[in-house]
Amino acid sequence: MPPIPIFIGAAVVDSINPCAFGVLIFLLAYLSKSSAKKSKLLLHGLTYIGAVFLTYLLAGLLLLPVIGSLGRVSVALYAIIGTVVVIFGLLELKDLFWYGKGPSLALLPGAEARLEKYVTKISANLSSAFFLGVFVALVELPCTGAVYLAILSVMALAGVDASGIAWLVVYNIIFVLPLVAILLAFYRGTTEERLEAWRKKHRKWMRLIIGGLLLLMGGWMLWTALV
């Protein structure tokens, strides 16, 4: 198991990823316009966040033993994962200076248009919000999954297997806490415009923090594989 401060720090940094905020803000804005009931807004928002939490948790439980097996098969494969993490970090730092130019860690191609279409089809049935959360968690992986991949790799190197579910639960609770904060802010009257302006204002600095962490973790993985 990686040191607790590193583990918690990685979860906190991962939780501030701007990719995770945008879709929820759009969903809440649509729900607030389509229904005057704040209870509906809260229930759909919590269902959506719960789906994101469960999807990431399941992904971690599936990937952890796989990454552990790769590391046992070949140190070179572990070093390759470390190299990928470093590249992800460089891409995040690139966006600090040249946001929107060149390759970036972003939603899967075409996902944004599909998300807008699916959000407008949200019904009174909570299952629609749940399946939207699952879909969003999957298409966001190229954008939000870099830190998760790094921490799973570090856990696998430390010998943590699927029995470490408690740590993954803690990680993913931290990951969704900002989403809960956004939901509560919207529930209490904060507007879409204010939340979106805050997200855009700070997204470069969020990417700076995430990129720095990825470089540190990827570099540590490469050093561990070489010594």
Protein backbone atom coordinates (compact mmCIF):
# COMPACT_ATOMS: atom_id res chain seq x y z
CA MET A 1 0.00 0.00 0.00
CA PRO A 2 1.41 3.46 -0.89
CA PRO A 3 1.89 5.91 2.01
CA ILE A 4 -1.46 7.19 3.22
CA PRO A 5 -0.67 10.90 2.51
CA ILE A 6 0.22 10.02 -1.12
CA PHE A 7 -2.92 7.92 -1.48
CA ILE A 8 -5.22 10.59 -0.01
CA GLY A 9 -3.42 13.34 -1.91
CA ALA A 10 -3.85 11.48 -5.21
CA ALA A 11 -7.58 11.04 -4.53
CA VAL A 12 -7.99 14.74 -3.71
CA VAL A 13 -6.09 15.83 -6.83
CA ASP A 14 -8.08 13.41 -9.00
CA SER A 15 -11.33 14.77 -7.56
CA ILE A 16 -10.67 18.30 -8.84
CA ASN A 17 -10.44 17.22 -12.47
CA PRO A 18 -12.48 19.76 -14.51
CA CYS A 19 -13.72 17.00 -16.83
CA ALA A 20 -15.74 15.52 -13.99
CA PHE A 21 -17.45 18.83 -13.22
CA GLY A 22 -18.72 19.88 -16.64
CA VAL A 23 -21.28 17.15 -17.29
CA LEU A 24 -22.78 17.37 -13.81
CA ILE A 25 -23.21 21.15 -14.12
CA PHE A 26 -24.92 20.67 -17.49
CA LEU A 27 -27.19 17.95 -16.08
CA LEU A 28 -28.21 20.05 -13.07
CA ALA A 29 -28.86 23.09 -15.26
CA TYR A 30 -31.15 21.04 -17.51
CA LEU A 31 -33.01 19.52 -14.56
CA SER A 32 -33.51 22.91 -12.92
CA LYS A 33 -35.05 24.26 -16.13
CA SER A 34 -37.24 21.22 -16.81
CA SER A 35 -38.61 20.86 -13.29
CA ALA A 36 -39.35 23.29 -10.49
CA LYS A 37 -38.99 20.55 -7.87
CA LYS A 38 -35.73 20.77 -5.99
CA SER A 39 -36.28 17.27 -4.63
CA LYS A 40 -36.08 15.90 -8.19
CA LEU A 41 -32.87 17.82 -8.79
CA LEU A 42 -31.34 16.39 -5.61
CA LEU A 43 -32.43 12.80 -6.23
CA HIS A 44 -31.25 12.75 -9.85
CA GLY A 45 -27.99 14.40 -8.91
CA LEU A 46 -27.28 11.92 -6.12
CA THR A 47 -28.21 9.00 -8.37
CA TYR A 48 -25.87 10.27 -11.07
CA ILE A 49 -23.01 10.71 -8.58
CA GLY A 50 -23.69 7.28 -7.10
CA ALA A 51 -23.40 5.74 -10.56
CA VAL A 52 -20.08 7.50 -11.17
CA PHE A 53 -18.82 6.23 -7.81
CA LEU A 54 -19.86 2.62 -8.46
CA THR A 55 -18.46 2.60 -12.01
CA TYR A 56 -15.04 3.86 -10.93
CA LEU A 57 -15.00 1.47 -7.98
CA LEU A 58 -15.79 -1.49 -10.24
CA ALA A 59 -13.15 -0.35 -12.75
CA GLY A 60 -10.57 -0.24 -9.95
CA LEU A 61 -11.50 -3.70 -8.70
CA LEU A 62 -11.14 -5.09 -12.22
CA LEU A 63 -7.91 -3.28 -13.09
CA LEU A 64 -6.01 -3.80 -9.83
CA PRO A 65 -5.40 -7.56 -10.20
CA VAL A 66 -4.69 -7.14 -13.93
CA ILE A 67 -2.01 -4.51 -13.30
CA GLY A 68 -0.60 -6.65 -10.49
CA SER A 69 -0.33 -9.62 -12.85
CA LEU A 70 1.44 -7.51 -15.48
CA GLY A 71 3.96 -6.33 -12.91
CA ARG A 72 4.69 -9.89 -11.81
CA VAL A 73 5.12 -11.04 -15.41
CA SER A 74 7.57 -8.32 -16.42
CA VAL A 75 9.15 -5.28 -14.77
CA ALA A 76 9.30 -3.79 -18.27
CA LEU A 77 5.50 -3.76 -18.47
CA TYR A 78 5.34 -1.88 -15.18
CA ALA A 79 7.89 0.60 -16.55
CA ILE A 80 5.71 1.05 -19.64
CA ILE A 81 2.76 1.97 -17.41
CA GLY A 82 5.01 4.45 -15.61
CA THR A 83 6.02 5.96 -18.95
CA VAL A 84 2.36 6.30 -19.96
CA VAL A 85 1.63 8.07 -16.67
CA VAL A 86 4.50 10.51 -17.32
CA ILE A 87 3.14 11.22 -20.82
CA PHE A 88 -0.30 11.88 -19.34
CA GLY A 89 1.31 14.31 -16.90
CA LEU A 90 3.05 16.17 -19.72
CA LEU A 91 -0.24 16.44 -21.62
CA GLU A 92 -1.90 17.96 -18.56
CA LEU A 93 0.92 20.49 -18.16
CA LYS A 94 0.73 21.33 -21.85
CA ASP A 95 -2.84 22.51 -21.32
CA LEU A 96 -1.63 25.08 -18.81
CA PHE A 97 -0.02 27.03 -21.68
CA TRP A 98 -1.75 25.76 -24.83
CA TYR A 99 -5.22 24.71 -23.68
CA GLY A 100 -7.27 23.17 -26.48
CA LYS A 101 -4.30 22.88 -28.85
CA GLY A 102 -2.85 19.52 -29.80
CA PRO A 103 -3.51 16.24 -27.99
CA SER A 104 -5.18 16.44 -24.59
CA LEU A 105 -6.70 14.19 -21.99
CA ALA A 106 -10.33 14.77 -22.86
CA LEU A 107 -13.64 13.01 -23.37
CA LEU A 108 -13.77 10.31 -26.00
CA PRO A 109 -14.39 11.71 -29.53
CA GLY A 110 -18.06 12.47 -30.12
CA ALA A 111 -18.94 11.89 -26.48
CA GLU A 112 -19.88 15.51 -25.74
CA ALA A 113 -22.62 15.57 -28.38
CA ARG A 114 -24.00 12.24 -27.19
CA LEU A 115 -23.98 13.42 -23.58
CA GLU A 116 -26.03 16.50 -24.44
CA LYS A 117 -28.51 14.28 -26.25
CA TYR A 118 -28.78 11.83 -23.35
CA VAL A 119 -29.16 14.57 -20.74
CA THR A 120 -32.18 16.01 -22.58
CA LYS A 121 -33.78 12.55 -22.43
CA ILE A 122 -33.54 12.31 -18.65
CA SER A 123 -36.96 11.22 -17.42
CA ALA A 124 -38.68 11.06 -14.06
CA ASN A 125 -37.26 7.55 -13.72
CA LEU A 126 -34.06 7.64 -11.66
CA SER A 127 -32.62 4.80 -13.73
CA SER A 128 -31.99 7.26 -16.57
CA ALA A 129 -29.78 9.38 -14.29
CA PHE A 130 -27.99 6.24 -13.11
CA PHE A 131 -27.19 5.00 -16.61
CA LEU A 132 -26.08 8.49 -17.60
CA GLY A 133 -23.63 8.41 -14.68
CA VAL A 134 -22.26 5.05 -15.83
CA PHE A 135 -21.88 6.30 -19.39
CA VAL A 136 -20.17 9.52 -18.28
CA ALA A 137 -17.74 7.64 -16.04
CA LEU A 138 -16.72 5.45 -18.98
CA VAL A 139 -16.30 8.19 -21.59
CA GLU A 140 -14.45 10.39 -19.08
CA LEU A 141 -11.78 7.77 -18.41
CA PRO A 142 -9.28 9.24 -20.91
CA CYS A 143 -9.64 12.55 -19.07
CA THR A 144 -9.99 11.50 -15.44
CA GLY A 145 -8.40 8.05 -15.39
CA ALA A 146 -4.70 8.97 -15.46
CA VAL A 147 -4.31 9.53 -11.71
CA TYR A 148 -6.46 6.47 -11.01
CA LEU A 149 -4.23 4.34 -13.25
CA ALA A 150 -1.15 5.61 -11.43
CA ILE A 151 -2.51 4.92 -7.95
CA LEU A 152 -3.75 1.47 -8.97
CA SER A 153 -0.28 0.69 -10.32
CA VAL A 154 1.37 1.83 -7.09
CA MET A 155 -1.10 -0.27 -5.07
CA ALA A 156 -0.41 -3.29 -7.28
CA LEU A 157 3.35 -2.84 -6.84
CA ALA A 158 2.87 -2.75 -3.08
CA GLY A 159 1.08 -6.10 -3.27
CA VAL A 160 -2.46 -4.87 -2.67
CA ASP A 161 -5.00 -7.03 -4.49
CA ALA A 162 -8.77 -6.98 -4.80
CA SER A 163 -8.97 -7.46 -1.02
CA GLY A 164 -7.96 -3.80 -0.82
CA ILE A 165 -11.51 -2.83 -1.70
CA ALA A 166 -11.76 -0.64 1.41
CA TRP A 167 -8.97 1.62 0.08
CA LEU A 168 -10.65 1.89 -3.30
CA VAL A 169 -13.92 2.80 -1.59
CA VAL A 170 -12.14 5.57 0.32
CA TYR A 171 -10.45 6.80 -2.87
CA ASN A 172 -13.70 6.98 -4.80
CA ILE A 173 -15.61 8.63 -1.96
CA ILE A 174 -13.00 11.40 -2.04
CA PHE A 175 -13.24 11.48 -5.85
CA VAL A 176 -16.97 12.25 -5.85
CA LEU A 177 -16.99 14.70 -2.90
CA PRO A 178 -16.56 17.78 -5.15
CA LEU A 179 -19.48 16.53 -7.26
CA VAL A 180 -21.59 16.36 -4.10
CA ALA A 181 -20.47 19.90 -3.23
CA ILE A 182 -21.52 21.13 -6.69
CA LEU A 183 -24.90 19.42 -6.33
CA LEU A 184 -25.51 21.00 -2.91
CA ALA A 185 -24.43 24.42 -4.21
CA PHE A 186 -26.90 24.11 -7.09
CA TYR A 187 -29.61 22.87 -4.73
CA ARG A 188 -29.10 25.96 -2.56
CA GLY A 189 -29.45 28.33 -5.50
CA THR A 190 -26.04 28.74 -7.14
CA THR A 191 -26.51 29.28 -10.88
CA GLU A 192 -25.11 27.28 -13.78
CA GLU A 193 -23.30 30.37 -15.07
CA ARG A 194 -21.50 30.92 -11.79
CA LEU A 195 -20.39 27.30 -11.47
CA GLU A 196 -19.28 27.08 -15.09
CA ALA A 197 -17.37 30.37 -14.83
CA TRP A 198 -15.57 29.03 -11.75
CA ARG A 199 -14.71 25.78 -13.54
CA LYS A 200 -13.30 27.56 -16.59
CA LYS A 201 -11.38 30.05 -14.46
CA HIS A 202 -9.58 27.35 -12.49
CA ARG A 203 -9.32 24.45 -14.94
CA LYS A 204 -5.79 25.32 -16.07
CA TRP A 205 -4.55 25.32 -12.49
CA MET A 206 -6.38 22.08 -11.81
CA ARG A 207 -4.53 20.55 -14.75
CA LEU A 208 -1.24 21.95 -13.42
CA ILE A 209 -1.74 20.19 -10.10
CA ILE A 210 -2.86 16.95 -11.78
CA GLY A 211 0.04 17.07 -14.26
CA GLY A 212 2.58 17.64 -11.51
CA LEU A 213 1.26 14.71 -9.52
CA LEU A 214 1.29 12.43 -12.57
CA LEU A 215 4.91 13.31 -13.32
CA LEU A 216 5.90 12.55 -9.74
CA MET A 217 4.04 9.25 -9.63
CA GLY A 218 5.16 8.16 -13.10
CA GLY A 219 8.77 9.08 -12.30
CA TRP A 220 8.56 7.13 -9.05
CA MET A 221 7.18 4.10 -10.91
CA LEU A 222 10.02 4.24 -13.45
CA TRP A 223 12.63 4.58 -10.71
CA THR A 224 11.10 1.65 -8.81
CA ALA A 225 11.12 -0.50 -11.95
CA LEU A 226 14.77 0.27 -12.66
CA VAL A 227 16.27 -0.28 -9.20
